[in-house]
Amino acid sequence: MDAVDATVEKLRAQCLSRGASGIQGLARFFRRLDRDRSLSLDAGELQRGLAELGLALGTAEAEGVCRRWDRDGSGALDLEEFLRALRPPMSQAREAVIAAAFAKLDRSGDGVVTVEDLRGVYSGRTHPKVTLAEFQDYYSGVSASMDSDEEFVAMMTSAWRL
């Protein structure tokens, strides 16, 4: 595990040790760290914020964390990138039930849910197609707020009639 992964794990552990309020508090924490109100955190803001939590990083480490989490190449972390990085990994049971729900939508079986797959069920004007990775990413956020695999699997099974 490299230094960036270790930092993420430490921060995730701190958040999870506070239960659901720790995860919910991340957005508030993010806004507090965003001193210039840019709706993103640069490496300096992230470094200062993590230091407040007792996770002291050098400048190079903070820049490395920003690079690792920055999905859109902006050089800074927006709230979604920040929250996505701190989500705990999903169990195999959760990933399997998400894949089953996706397969139910993907009638053509090509790995992409298109408007044709959903015709008559969903309006695809905003999102004309959805990949399994996007579907998993969405449910990863939902998963973070649920305590047990059983609860998550039951919710997915019920919602998607699996």
C-alpha atoms as a PDB file:
ATOM      1  CA  MET A   1       0.000   0.000   0.000  1.00  0.00           C
ATOM      2  CA  ASP A   2       1.481   3.364  -0.963  1.00  0.00           C
ATOM      3  CA  ALA A   3       1.317   6.593   1.067  1.00  0.00           C
ATOM      4  CA  VAL A   4      -1.780   7.875  -0.769  1.00  0.00           C
ATOM      5  CA  ASP A   5      -3.719   4.668  -0.119  1.00  0.00           C
ATOM      6  CA  ALA A   6      -2.617   4.697   3.516  1.00  0.00           C
ATOM      7  CA  THR A   7      -3.860   8.289   3.893  1.00  0.00           C
ATOM      8  CA  VAL A   8      -7.218   7.412   2.361  1.00  0.00           C
ATOM      9  CA  GLU A   9      -7.557   4.419   4.682  1.00  0.00           C
ATOM     10  CA  LYS A  10      -6.755   6.529   7.763  1.00  0.00           C
ATOM     11  CA  LEU A  11      -9.282   9.195   6.810  1.00  0.00           C
ATOM     12  CA  ARG A  12     -11.918   6.584   5.911  1.00  0.00           C
ATOM     13  CA  ALA A  13     -11.360   4.834   9.245  1.00  0.00           C
ATOM     14  CA  GLN A  14     -11.829   8.094  11.127  1.00  0.00           C
ATOM     15  CA  CYS A  15     -15.077   8.779   9.284  1.00  0.00           C
ATOM     16  CA  LEU A  16     -16.418   5.253   9.713  1.00  0.00           C
ATOM     17  CA  SER A  17     -15.561   5.230  13.413  1.00  0.00           C
ATOM     18  CA  ARG A  18     -18.145   7.985  13.789  1.00  0.00           C
ATOM     19  CA  GLY A  19     -20.842   5.853  12.131  1.00  0.00           C
ATOM     20  CA  ALA A  20     -23.356   7.343   9.702  1.00  0.00           C
ATOM     21  CA  SER A  21     -22.751  10.829  11.082  1.00  0.00           C
ATOM     22  CA  GLY A  22     -19.098  10.528  10.028  1.00  0.00           C
ATOM     23  CA  ILE A  23     -20.029   9.844   6.417  1.00  0.00           C
ATOM     24  CA  GLN A  24     -22.721  12.544   6.432  1.00  0.00           C
ATOM     25  CA  GLY A  25     -20.305  14.977   8.027  1.00  0.00           C
ATOM     26  CA  LEU A  26     -17.862  14.661   5.127  1.00  0.00           C
ATOM     27  CA  ALA A  27     -19.753  17.209   3.026  1.00  0.00           C
ATOM     28  CA  ARG A  28     -19.687  19.691   5.914  1.00  0.00           C
ATOM     29  CA  PHE A  29     -15.996  18.943   6.455  1.00  0.00           C
ATOM     30  CA  PHE A  30     -15.326  19.516   2.737  1.00  0.00           C
ATOM     31  CA  ARG A  31     -17.119  22.885   2.774  1.00  0.00           C
ATOM     32  CA  ARG A  32     -15.159  23.959   5.851  1.00  0.00           C
ATOM     33  CA  LEU A  33     -11.859  23.078   4.165  1.00  0.00           C
ATOM     34  CA  ASP A  34     -12.807  24.965   0.995  1.00  0.00           C
ATOM     35  CA  ARG A  35     -11.544  28.281   2.292  1.00  0.00           C
ATOM     36  CA  ASP A  36     -11.638  30.088  -1.055  1.00  0.00           C
ATOM     37  CA  ARG A  37     -15.222  28.861  -1.720  1.00  0.00           C
ATOM     38  CA  SER A  38     -14.216  27.469  -5.116  1.00  0.00           C
ATOM     39  CA  LEU A  39     -16.297  24.317  -4.516  1.00  0.00           C
ATOM     40  CA  SER A  40     -13.084  22.325  -4.775  1.00  0.00           C
ATOM     41  CA  LEU A  41     -10.049  21.573  -2.634  1.00  0.00           C
ATOM     42  CA  ASP A  42      -6.542  22.188  -3.839  1.00  0.00           C
ATOM     43  CA  ALA A  43      -3.604  20.298  -2.322  1.00  0.00           C
ATOM     44  CA  GLY A  44      -2.977  23.060   0.247  1.00  0.00           C
ATOM     45  CA  GLU A  45      -6.559  23.090   1.499  1.00  0.00           C
ATOM     46  CA  LEU A  46      -6.567  19.303   1.678  1.00  0.00           C
ATOM     47  CA  GLN A  47      -3.230  19.265   3.518  1.00  0.00           C
ATOM     48  CA  ARG A  48      -4.455  21.794   6.127  1.00  0.00           C
ATOM     49  CA  GLY A  49      -7.730  19.929   6.599  1.00  0.00           C
ATOM     50  CA  LEU A  50      -6.136  16.534   7.058  1.00  0.00           C
ATOM     51  CA  ALA A  51      -3.674  18.052   9.538  1.00  0.00           C
ATOM     52  CA  GLU A  52      -6.690  19.139  11.632  1.00  0.00           C
ATOM     53  CA  LEU A  53      -7.645  15.453  11.795  1.00  0.00           C
ATOM     54  CA  GLY A  54      -4.155  14.467  12.858  1.00  0.00           C
ATOM     55  CA  LEU A  55      -3.136  13.223   9.401  1.00  0.00           C
ATOM     56  CA  ALA A  56      -0.064  15.308   8.659  1.00  0.00           C
ATOM     57  CA  LEU A  57       0.982  15.130   5.015  1.00  0.00           C
ATOM     58  CA  GLY A  58       3.912  16.680   3.271  1.00  0.00           C
ATOM     59  CA  THR A  59       3.277  18.888   0.272  1.00  0.00           C
ATOM     60  CA  ALA A  60       4.232  16.132  -2.172  1.00  0.00           C
ATOM     61  CA  GLU A  61       1.922  13.635  -0.420  1.00  0.00           C
ATOM     62  CA  ALA A  62      -1.018  16.082  -0.471  1.00  0.00           C
ATOM     63  CA  GLU A  63      -0.417  16.714  -4.165  1.00  0.00           C
ATOM     64  CA  GLY A  64      -0.290  12.947  -4.742  1.00  0.00           C
ATOM     65  CA  VAL A  65      -3.620  12.470  -2.957  1.00  0.00           C
ATOM     66  CA  CYS A  66      -5.170  15.224  -5.093  1.00  0.00           C
ATOM     67  CA  ARG A  67      -3.826  13.662  -8.299  1.00  0.00           C
ATOM     68  CA  ARG A  68      -5.099  10.200  -7.313  1.00  0.00           C
ATOM     69  CA  TRP A  69      -8.612  11.402  -6.464  1.00  0.00           C
ATOM     70  CA  ASP A  70      -8.965  14.013  -9.227  1.00  0.00           C
ATOM     71  CA  ARG A  71     -11.076  12.320 -11.897  1.00  0.00           C
ATOM     72  CA  ASP A  72     -11.767  15.313 -14.134  1.00  0.00           C
ATOM     73  CA  GLY A  73      -8.154  16.536 -14.390  1.00  0.00           C
ATOM     74  CA  SER A  74      -8.911  19.937 -12.846  1.00  0.00           C
ATOM     75  CA  GLY A  75      -6.004  19.702 -10.405  1.00  0.00           C
ATOM     76  CA  ALA A  76      -8.386  20.020  -7.449  1.00  0.00           C
ATOM     77  CA  LEU A  77     -11.016  17.852  -5.791  1.00  0.00           C
ATOM     78  CA  ASP A  78     -14.696  18.618  -6.095  1.00  0.00           C
ATOM     79  CA  LEU A  79     -17.104  17.266  -3.496  1.00  0.00           C
ATOM     80  CA  GLU A  80     -18.085  14.229  -5.573  1.00  0.00           C
ATOM     81  CA  GLU A  81     -14.434  13.230  -6.110  1.00  0.00           C
ATOM     82  CA  PHE A  82     -13.756  13.675  -2.393  1.00  0.00           C
ATOM     83  CA  LEU A  83     -16.739  11.574  -1.303  1.00  0.00           C
ATOM     84  CA  ARG A  84     -16.078   8.881  -3.917  1.00  0.00           C
ATOM     85  CA  ALA A  85     -12.501   8.471  -2.697  1.00  0.00           C
ATOM     86  CA  LEU A  86     -13.637   7.985   0.885  1.00  0.00           C
ATOM     87  CA  ARG A  87     -16.416   5.487   0.262  1.00  0.00           C
ATOM     88  CA  PRO A  88     -15.596   2.138   1.758  1.00  0.00           C
ATOM     89  CA  PRO A  89     -15.130  -0.664  -0.782  1.00  0.00           C
ATOM     90  CA  MET A  90     -18.233  -2.746  -1.407  1.00  0.00           C
ATOM     91  CA  SER A  91     -18.447  -6.407  -0.505  1.00  0.00           C
ATOM     92  CA  GLN A  92     -18.836  -9.084  -3.171  1.00  0.00           C
ATOM     93  CA  ALA A  93     -22.477  -9.557  -2.136  1.00  0.00           C
ATOM     94  CA  ARG A  94     -23.235  -5.892  -2.805  1.00  0.00           C
ATOM     95  CA  GLU A  95     -21.357  -5.887  -6.110  1.00  0.00           C
ATOM     96  CA  ALA A  96     -23.178  -9.056  -7.206  1.00  0.00           C
ATOM     97  CA  VAL A  97     -26.654  -7.671  -6.517  1.00  0.00           C
ATOM     98  CA  ILE A  98     -25.788  -4.433  -8.353  1.00  0.00           C
ATOM     99  CA  ALA A  99     -24.568  -6.450 -11.344  1.00  0.00           C
ATOM    100  CA  ALA A 100     -27.807  -8.483 -11.290  1.00  0.00           C
ATOM    101  CA  ALA A 101     -29.900  -5.288 -11.306  1.00  0.00           C
ATOM    102  CA  PHE A 102     -27.816  -3.892 -14.163  1.00  0.00           C
ATOM    103  CA  ALA A 103     -28.196  -7.130 -16.138  1.00  0.00           C
ATOM    104  CA  LYS A 104     -31.959  -6.853 -15.755  1.00  0.00           C
ATOM    105  CA  LEU A 105     -31.818  -3.400 -17.374  1.00  0.00           C
ATOM    106  CA  ASP A 106     -29.315  -4.398 -20.066  1.00  0.00           C
ATOM    107  CA  ARG A 107     -31.749  -6.370 -22.205  1.00  0.00           C
ATOM    108  CA  SER A 108     -29.344  -6.578 -25.145  1.00  0.00           C
ATOM    109  CA  GLY A 109     -26.568  -7.945 -22.927  1.00  0.00           C
ATOM    110  CA  ASP A 110     -23.920  -5.658 -24.440  1.00  0.00           C
ATOM    111  CA  GLY A 111     -22.765  -4.156 -21.127  1.00  0.00           C
ATOM    112  CA  VAL A 112     -24.413  -0.785 -21.763  1.00  0.00           C
ATOM    113  CA  VAL A 113     -27.945   0.242 -20.874  1.00  0.00           C
ATOM    114  CA  THR A 114     -29.312   2.255 -23.785  1.00  0.00           C
ATOM    115  CA  VAL A 115     -32.573   4.014 -24.498  1.00  0.00           C
ATOM    116  CA  GLU A 116     -33.626   0.959 -26.519  1.00  0.00           C
ATOM    117  CA  ASP A 117     -33.117  -1.248 -23.449  1.00  0.00           C
ATOM    118  CA  LEU A 118     -35.322   1.043 -21.393  1.00  0.00           C
ATOM    119  CA  ARG A 119     -37.932   2.089 -23.935  1.00  0.00           C
ATOM    120  CA  GLY A 120     -41.267   2.483 -22.173  1.00  0.00           C
ATOM    121  CA  VAL A 121     -39.671   2.229 -18.729  1.00  0.00           C
ATOM    122  CA  TYR A 122     -37.382   5.249 -18.382  1.00  0.00           C
ATOM    123  CA  SER A 123     -36.797   8.585 -20.106  1.00  0.00           C
ATOM    124  CA  GLY A 124     -33.234   8.626 -21.416  1.00  0.00           C
ATOM    125  CA  ARG A 125     -33.094  12.286 -22.405  1.00  0.00           C
ATOM    126  CA  THR A 126     -30.721  13.240 -19.607  1.00  0.00           C
ATOM    127  CA  HIS A 127     -28.640  10.044 -19.596  1.00  0.00           C
ATOM    128  CA  PRO A 128     -29.033   8.248 -22.933  1.00  0.00           C
ATOM    129  CA  LYS A 129     -26.834   5.344 -21.822  1.00  0.00           C
ATOM    130  CA  VAL A 130     -25.399   3.987 -18.583  1.00  0.00           C
ATOM    131  CA  THR A 131     -22.449   1.628 -18.171  1.00  0.00           C
ATOM    132  CA  LEU A 132     -22.063  -0.986 -15.471  1.00  0.00           C
ATOM    133  CA  ALA A 133     -19.225   1.078 -13.949  1.00  0.00           C
ATOM    134  CA  GLU A 134     -21.524   4.135 -13.698  1.00  0.00           C
ATOM    135  CA  PHE A 135     -24.303   1.990 -12.225  1.00  0.00           C
ATOM    136  CA  GLN A 136     -21.886   0.525  -9.669  1.00  0.00           C
ATOM    137  CA  ASP A 137     -20.536   3.965  -8.837  1.00  0.00           C
ATOM    138  CA  TYR A 138     -24.051   5.230  -8.116  1.00  0.00           C
ATOM    139  CA  TYR A 139     -24.906   2.282  -5.881  1.00  0.00           C
ATOM    140  CA  SER A 140     -21.537   2.519  -4.150  1.00  0.00           C
ATOM    141  CA  GLY A 141     -22.749   5.847  -2.773  1.00  0.00           C
ATOM    142  CA  VAL A 142     -26.016   4.269  -1.646  1.00  0.00           C
ATOM    143  CA  SER A 143     -24.089   1.361  -0.148  1.00  0.00           C
ATOM    144  CA  ALA A 144     -21.992   3.650   2.051  1.00  0.00           C
ATOM    145  CA  SER A 145     -25.081   4.624   4.023  1.00  0.00           C
ATOM    146  CA  MET A 146     -26.195   1.048   4.753  1.00  0.00           C
ATOM    147  CA  ASP A 147     -24.809  -0.905   7.695  1.00  0.00           C
ATOM    148  CA  SER A 148     -25.029  -4.491   6.519  1.00  0.00           C
ATOM    149  CA  ASP A 149     -24.811  -6.524   3.343  1.00  0.00           C
ATOM    150  CA  GLU A 150     -28.147  -8.117   4.204  1.00  0.00           C
ATOM    151  CA  GLU A 151     -29.870  -4.725   4.390  1.00  0.00           C
ATOM    152  CA  PHE A 152     -28.308  -3.595   1.103  1.00  0.00           C
ATOM    153  CA  VAL A 153     -29.099  -6.855  -0.731  1.00  0.00           C
ATOM    154  CA  ALA A 154     -32.692  -6.784   0.561  1.00  0.00           C
ATOM    155  CA  MET A 155     -33.136  -3.198  -0.633  1.00  0.00           C
ATOM    156  CA  MET A 156     -31.726  -3.977  -4.085  1.00  0.00           C
ATOM    157  CA  THR A 157     -33.697  -7.217  -4.399  1.00  0.00           C
ATOM    158  CA  SER A 158     -36.907  -5.442  -3.504  1.00  0.00           C
ATOM    159  CA  ALA A 159     -36.297  -2.342  -5.613  1.00  0.00           C
ATOM    160  CA  TRP A 160     -35.274  -4.283  -8.716  1.00  0.00           C
ATOM    161  CA  ARG A 161     -37.470  -7.351  -8.131  1.00  0.00           C
ATOM    162  CA  LEU A 162     -34.447  -9.632  -8.450  1.00  0.00           C
END
